Amino acid sequence: MPFPRPEPAPVVRTAPVRPAADLLPRLDAGERARLDRAPAPERDAVASVLLLARLVVAEVCGVDPAAVRVDRRCPRCGSTAHGVPRVTRADGAAAPHLSLSRTSDLVAVAVASGPVGIDLEPTTAGAGLRPDVVLADGEPPAPGPGGLLVTWVRKEAVLKAAGTGLAVDPRSLRVTDVAGSITVEHATPGPLTPPPGTRWHLEDLPLDPPRTRTHRAALAHLHPHSLPLPLPLPLPLPLPLPRAHETPRGRTPRRTPS
């Protein structure tokens, strides 16, 4: 009997934050409107993650970045000012799922064929976390230094993949880590329970050596029980964000067979 074919692994890209003024000419109208709503201290990171998201989706779909649109839709109130990222293609073809995360100096994007969530936090964020806000009753933090922050990042990745974000209490999840094998359990039933026949696959994301000391990152995505787990993700490929006069490196559109 042949082995089941594994699901394609999510595509993950990171990029350092660039000044919004450098990226503004490359943003589409919707991205510019979103940037206009961003607080001044967050504008550079917002512009960087918006452009990175569209470039990565275009890379995965094999189309020109101008043929891709990324917006948001809140599943609770219907607002387009916040909520889950959504991808649409100008050709009307099926679009992948998308998740974004940003800090003041680094942004990250994950693209997958099914629900996906990525979270990225600076290690300095760990100082403001409280165990009673992060951990379920009796749940230990992840082993090692900064374990509480690692647990927070892991849980937020699952919450993003589930489409709820922090509207659902992270204490409704219990994350266990035994010898590097991470599993997700549900301390309370609710919207985080995956569909029948699937499970949340959760992993810590490797970052380049300087970022390993300054950031923590995690990725969550749905994975069928019947298929083998994907191999651990390699180091995410950095994607330099182009200036107004540059073409994104390696962005010759790839056409998929019809």
Protein backbone atom coordinates (compact mmCIF):
# COMPACT_ATOMS: atom_id res chain seq x y z
CA MET A 1 0.00 0.00 0.00
CA PRO A 2 1.52 3.38 -0.95
CA PHE A 3 2.06 5.95 1.74
CA PRO A 4 -0.44 8.83 1.77
CA ARG A 5 0.87 11.90 -0.01
CA PRO A 6 1.72 14.59 2.58
CA GLU A 7 0.08 17.96 2.40
CA PRO A 8 2.28 20.72 0.95
CA ALA A 9 4.11 22.51 3.74
CA PRO A 10 3.20 26.17 4.27
CA VAL A 11 5.45 28.73 2.63
CA VAL A 12 7.00 31.10 5.17
CA ARG A 13 8.89 34.30 4.39
CA THR A 14 10.39 36.98 6.62
CA ALA A 15 11.71 40.45 5.90
CA PRO A 16 13.25 43.27 7.91
CA VAL A 17 11.03 46.31 8.31
CA ARG A 18 11.65 49.05 5.76
CA PRO A 19 10.56 52.72 5.92
CA ALA A 20 6.98 53.14 4.76
CA ALA A 21 8.05 56.02 2.52
CA ASP A 22 10.26 53.63 0.53
CA LEU A 23 7.46 51.11 0.06
CA LEU A 24 4.49 53.43 -0.50
CA PRO A 25 4.83 53.60 -4.32
CA ARG A 26 4.56 49.79 -4.48
CA LEU A 27 1.42 49.51 -2.32
CA ASP A 28 -1.98 49.14 -3.98
CA ALA A 29 -4.95 51.35 -3.11
CA GLY A 30 -6.30 49.04 -0.43
CA GLU A 31 -2.90 48.73 1.22
CA ARG A 32 -2.44 52.49 1.20
CA ALA A 33 -5.84 52.95 2.85
CA ARG A 34 -4.87 50.46 5.55
CA LEU A 35 -1.54 52.21 6.03
CA ASP A 36 -3.35 55.53 6.44
CA ARG A 37 -5.25 54.05 9.41
CA ALA A 38 -2.09 52.78 11.12
CA PRO A 39 -0.67 54.69 14.10
CA ALA A 40 2.48 56.60 13.19
CA PRO A 41 4.87 54.34 15.16
CA GLU A 42 3.52 51.27 13.34
CA ARG A 43 3.49 52.58 9.77
CA ASP A 44 6.84 51.11 8.72
CA ALA A 45 5.96 47.62 9.98
CA VAL A 46 2.43 47.78 8.51
CA ALA A 47 3.70 48.80 5.08
CA SER A 48 6.37 46.11 5.19
CA VAL A 49 4.04 43.25 6.10
CA LEU A 50 1.36 44.33 3.60
CA LEU A 51 3.81 44.36 0.70
CA LEU A 52 5.51 41.14 1.81
CA ALA A 53 2.14 39.38 1.99
CA ARG A 54 1.20 40.25 -1.57
CA LEU A 55 4.64 39.34 -2.93
CA VAL A 56 4.62 35.94 -1.23
CA VAL A 57 1.07 35.11 -2.33
CA ALA A 58 2.03 36.05 -5.89
CA GLU A 59 5.11 33.85 -5.61
CA VAL A 60 3.06 30.87 -4.42
CA CYS A 61 0.34 31.37 -7.05
CA GLY A 62 2.80 32.04 -9.87
CA VAL A 63 1.18 35.33 -10.85
CA ASP A 64 2.17 38.98 -10.96
CA PRO A 65 1.81 40.79 -7.60
CA ALA A 66 -0.60 43.23 -9.26
CA ALA A 67 -3.00 40.30 -9.84
CA VAL A 68 -3.33 39.64 -6.10
CA ARG A 69 -5.31 41.50 -3.47
CA VAL A 70 -5.03 41.01 0.28
CA ASP A 71 -7.66 42.44 2.60
CA ARG A 72 -9.30 41.53 5.91
CA ARG A 73 -12.72 40.45 7.07
CA CYS A 74 -13.80 40.04 10.69
CA PRO A 75 -15.83 36.82 11.03
CA ARG A 76 -17.80 38.31 13.95
CA CYS A 77 -18.75 41.84 12.87
CA GLY A 78 -17.96 41.80 9.14
CA SER A 79 -15.60 44.78 9.37
CA THR A 80 -12.84 45.08 6.78
CA ALA A 81 -10.73 47.25 9.11
CA HIS A 82 -9.58 44.19 11.06
CA GLY A 83 -9.97 40.43 11.14
CA VAL A 84 -8.66 37.45 9.22
CA PRO A 85 -6.50 38.16 6.14
CA ARG A 86 -8.16 37.15 2.86
CA VAL A 87 -6.63 36.66 -0.56
CA THR A 88 -8.40 37.24 -3.88
CA ARG A 89 -6.97 36.80 -7.36
CA ALA A 90 -7.80 38.90 -10.40
CA ASP A 91 -8.31 35.74 -12.47
CA GLY A 92 -10.89 34.40 -10.00
CA ALA A 93 -8.84 31.25 -9.31
CA ALA A 94 -8.73 29.62 -5.90
CA ALA A 95 -6.57 31.56 -3.47
CA PRO A 96 -4.44 30.25 -0.60
CA HIS A 97 -4.86 30.96 3.09
CA LEU A 98 -2.64 33.63 4.61
CA SER A 99 -1.37 34.75 8.00
CA LEU A 100 0.72 37.79 8.91
CA SER A 101 2.75 38.89 11.90
CA ARG A 102 4.91 41.91 12.58
CA THR A 103 7.19 43.46 15.15
CA SER A 104 8.90 46.84 15.03
CA ASP A 105 11.87 45.44 13.07
CA LEU A 106 10.78 42.15 11.47
CA VAL A 107 7.70 40.91 9.60
CA ALA A 108 6.62 37.38 8.69
CA VAL A 109 4.07 35.83 6.32
CA ALA A 110 2.77 32.26 6.01
CA VAL A 111 0.81 30.96 3.01
CA ALA A 112 -0.84 27.54 2.94
CA SER A 113 -3.54 25.53 1.21
CA GLY A 114 -5.61 25.46 4.42
CA PRO A 115 -6.01 27.49 7.62
CA VAL A 116 -2.64 28.76 8.84
CA GLY A 117 -1.42 31.02 11.61
CA ILE A 118 1.97 32.59 12.24
CA ASP A 119 3.07 34.59 15.25
CA LEU A 120 6.26 36.53 15.79
CA GLU A 121 7.24 38.33 18.98
CA PRO A 122 10.38 40.07 20.25
CA THR A 123 11.94 38.37 23.25
CA THR A 124 11.45 41.61 25.20
CA ALA A 125 7.69 40.95 25.11
CA GLY A 126 8.16 38.16 27.61
CA ALA A 127 8.68 40.62 30.44
CA GLY A 128 5.06 41.77 30.25
CA LEU A 129 3.43 38.32 30.24
CA ARG A 130 1.66 36.82 33.25
CA PRO A 131 1.23 33.07 33.69
CA ASP A 132 -2.41 33.48 34.76
CA VAL A 133 -3.18 35.12 31.39
CA VAL A 134 -1.31 32.60 29.23
CA LEU A 135 -1.54 29.18 30.89
CA ALA A 136 -4.50 26.87 31.43
CA ASP A 137 -4.99 25.41 34.91
CA GLY A 138 -2.05 23.14 35.67
CA GLU A 139 -0.32 23.88 32.36
CA PRO A 140 3.46 24.41 32.60
CA PRO A 141 5.21 26.88 30.31
CA ALA A 142 7.41 25.57 27.52
CA PRO A 143 10.72 24.27 28.82
CA GLY A 144 13.82 26.42 28.71
CA PRO A 145 14.50 30.17 28.99
CA GLY A 146 11.60 32.39 28.02
CA GLY A 147 9.21 29.45 28.17
CA LEU A 148 6.17 31.59 28.92
CA LEU A 149 6.76 33.70 25.81
CA VAL A 150 7.29 30.57 23.71
CA THR A 151 3.94 29.21 24.95
CA TRP A 152 2.24 32.54 24.18
CA VAL A 153 3.63 32.62 20.62
CA ARG A 154 2.56 29.02 20.02
CA LYS A 155 -0.97 29.65 21.27
CA GLU A 156 -1.39 32.84 19.29
CA ALA A 157 -0.35 30.99 16.11
CA VAL A 158 -3.16 28.47 16.73
CA LEU A 159 -5.65 31.25 17.50
CA LYS A 160 -4.78 32.96 14.23
CA ALA A 161 -5.09 29.73 12.27
CA ALA A 162 -8.52 29.14 13.83
CA GLY A 163 -9.61 32.60 12.70
CA THR A 164 -10.46 33.83 16.19
CA GLY A 165 -7.33 35.63 17.31
CA LEU A 166 -7.39 36.81 20.89
CA ALA A 167 -11.19 36.97 20.88
CA VAL A 168 -10.81 33.46 22.33
CA ASP A 169 -9.02 33.07 25.66
CA PRO A 170 -5.57 31.51 25.08
CA ARG A 171 -6.11 29.55 28.31
CA SER A 172 -8.68 27.46 26.42
CA LEU A 173 -5.67 25.78 24.77
CA ARG A 174 -3.13 23.54 26.44
CA VAL A 175 0.19 23.14 24.64
CA THR A 176 2.48 20.31 25.67
CA ASP A 177 6.11 19.95 24.68
CA VAL A 178 7.73 16.57 25.28
CA ALA A 179 11.25 16.20 23.89
CA GLY A 180 10.49 18.77 21.20
CA SER A 181 7.21 17.14 20.13
CA ILE A 182 4.55 19.84 20.44
CA THR A 183 0.89 18.91 20.75
CA VAL A 184 -2.23 21.04 21.11
CA GLU A 185 -5.05 20.05 23.44
CA HIS A 186 -8.26 21.86 24.20
CA ALA A 187 -8.70 22.77 27.85
CA THR A 188 -12.27 23.80 27.02
CA PRO A 189 -14.38 22.91 23.93
CA GLY A 190 -15.11 25.70 21.50
CA PRO A 191 -14.21 27.25 18.14
CA LEU A 192 -10.60 26.07 18.35
CA THR A 193 -11.57 22.42 17.99
CA PRO A 194 -10.34 21.36 14.52
CA PRO A 195 -12.72 19.73 12.02
CA PRO A 196 -13.12 15.94 12.27
CA GLY A 197 -10.18 14.05 10.84
CA THR A 198 -7.74 16.92 11.30
CA ARG A 199 -5.42 18.24 13.98
CA TRP A 200 -3.47 21.39 14.64
CA HIS A 201 0.15 20.95 13.64
CA LEU A 202 2.26 23.37 15.66
CA GLU A 203 5.96 24.05 15.38
CA ASP A 204 8.50 26.61 16.45
CA LEU A 205 9.90 28.50 13.48
CA PRO A 206 13.67 28.65 13.04
CA LEU A 207 15.05 32.13 12.41
CA ASP A 208 18.47 33.25 11.26
CA PRO A 209 21.07 33.32 14.07
CA PRO A 210 20.82 37.01 15.04
CA ARG A 211 17.00 36.80 15.14
CA THR A 212 17.10 33.61 17.21
CA ARG A 213 18.32 35.69 20.14
CA THR A 214 15.86 38.55 19.66
CA HIS A 215 12.62 36.94 18.44
CA ARG A 216 10.38 33.91 18.92
CA ALA A 217 8.12 32.58 16.17
CA ALA A 218 5.65 29.74 15.72
CA LEU A 219 3.48 28.34 12.94
CA ALA A 220 0.18 26.44 13.19
CA HIS A 221 -1.84 24.83 10.41
CA LEU A 222 -4.49 22.16 9.95
CA HIS A 223 -3.21 18.73 9.04
CA PRO A 224 -5.23 15.59 8.25
CA HIS A 225 -4.88 12.70 10.71
CA SER A 226 -4.51 10.28 7.80
CA LEU A 227 -1.37 11.93 6.42
CA PRO A 228 2.16 11.88 7.83
CA LEU A 229 3.29 15.04 9.53
CA PRO A 230 5.27 17.40 7.31
CA LEU A 231 8.98 17.67 7.78
CA PRO A 232 10.14 20.51 10.04
CA LEU A 233 10.27 23.77 8.16
CA PRO A 234 13.70 24.97 7.06
CA LEU A 235 14.95 28.43 7.90
CA PRO A 236 12.39 30.84 6.39
CA LEU A 237 13.72 32.42 3.22
CA PRO A 238 14.14 36.18 3.72
CA LEU A 239 12.52 38.19 0.94
CA PRO A 240 14.04 41.67 0.62
CA LEU A 241 11.36 44.28 0.12
CA PRO A 242 12.01 46.30 -3.04
CA ARG A 243 12.26 50.04 -3.30
CA ALA A 244 9.93 51.92 -5.61
CA HIS A 245 12.22 51.52 -8.65
CA GLU A 246 13.18 47.87 -8.03
CA THR A 247 11.63 44.63 -9.21
CA PRO A 248 11.23 42.01 -6.46
CA ARG A 249 14.18 39.64 -6.73
CA GLY A 250 13.23 36.29 -8.18
CA ARG A 251 9.69 37.47 -9.02
CA THR A 252 9.46 36.38 -12.63
CA PRO A 253 5.85 35.13 -12.68
CA ARG A 254 5.52 31.36 -12.85
CA ARG A 255 2.50 30.10 -14.71
CA THR A 256 0.94 26.96 -13.33
CA PRO A 257 -0.20 24.29 -15.83
CA SER A 258 -3.87 24.57 -16.71
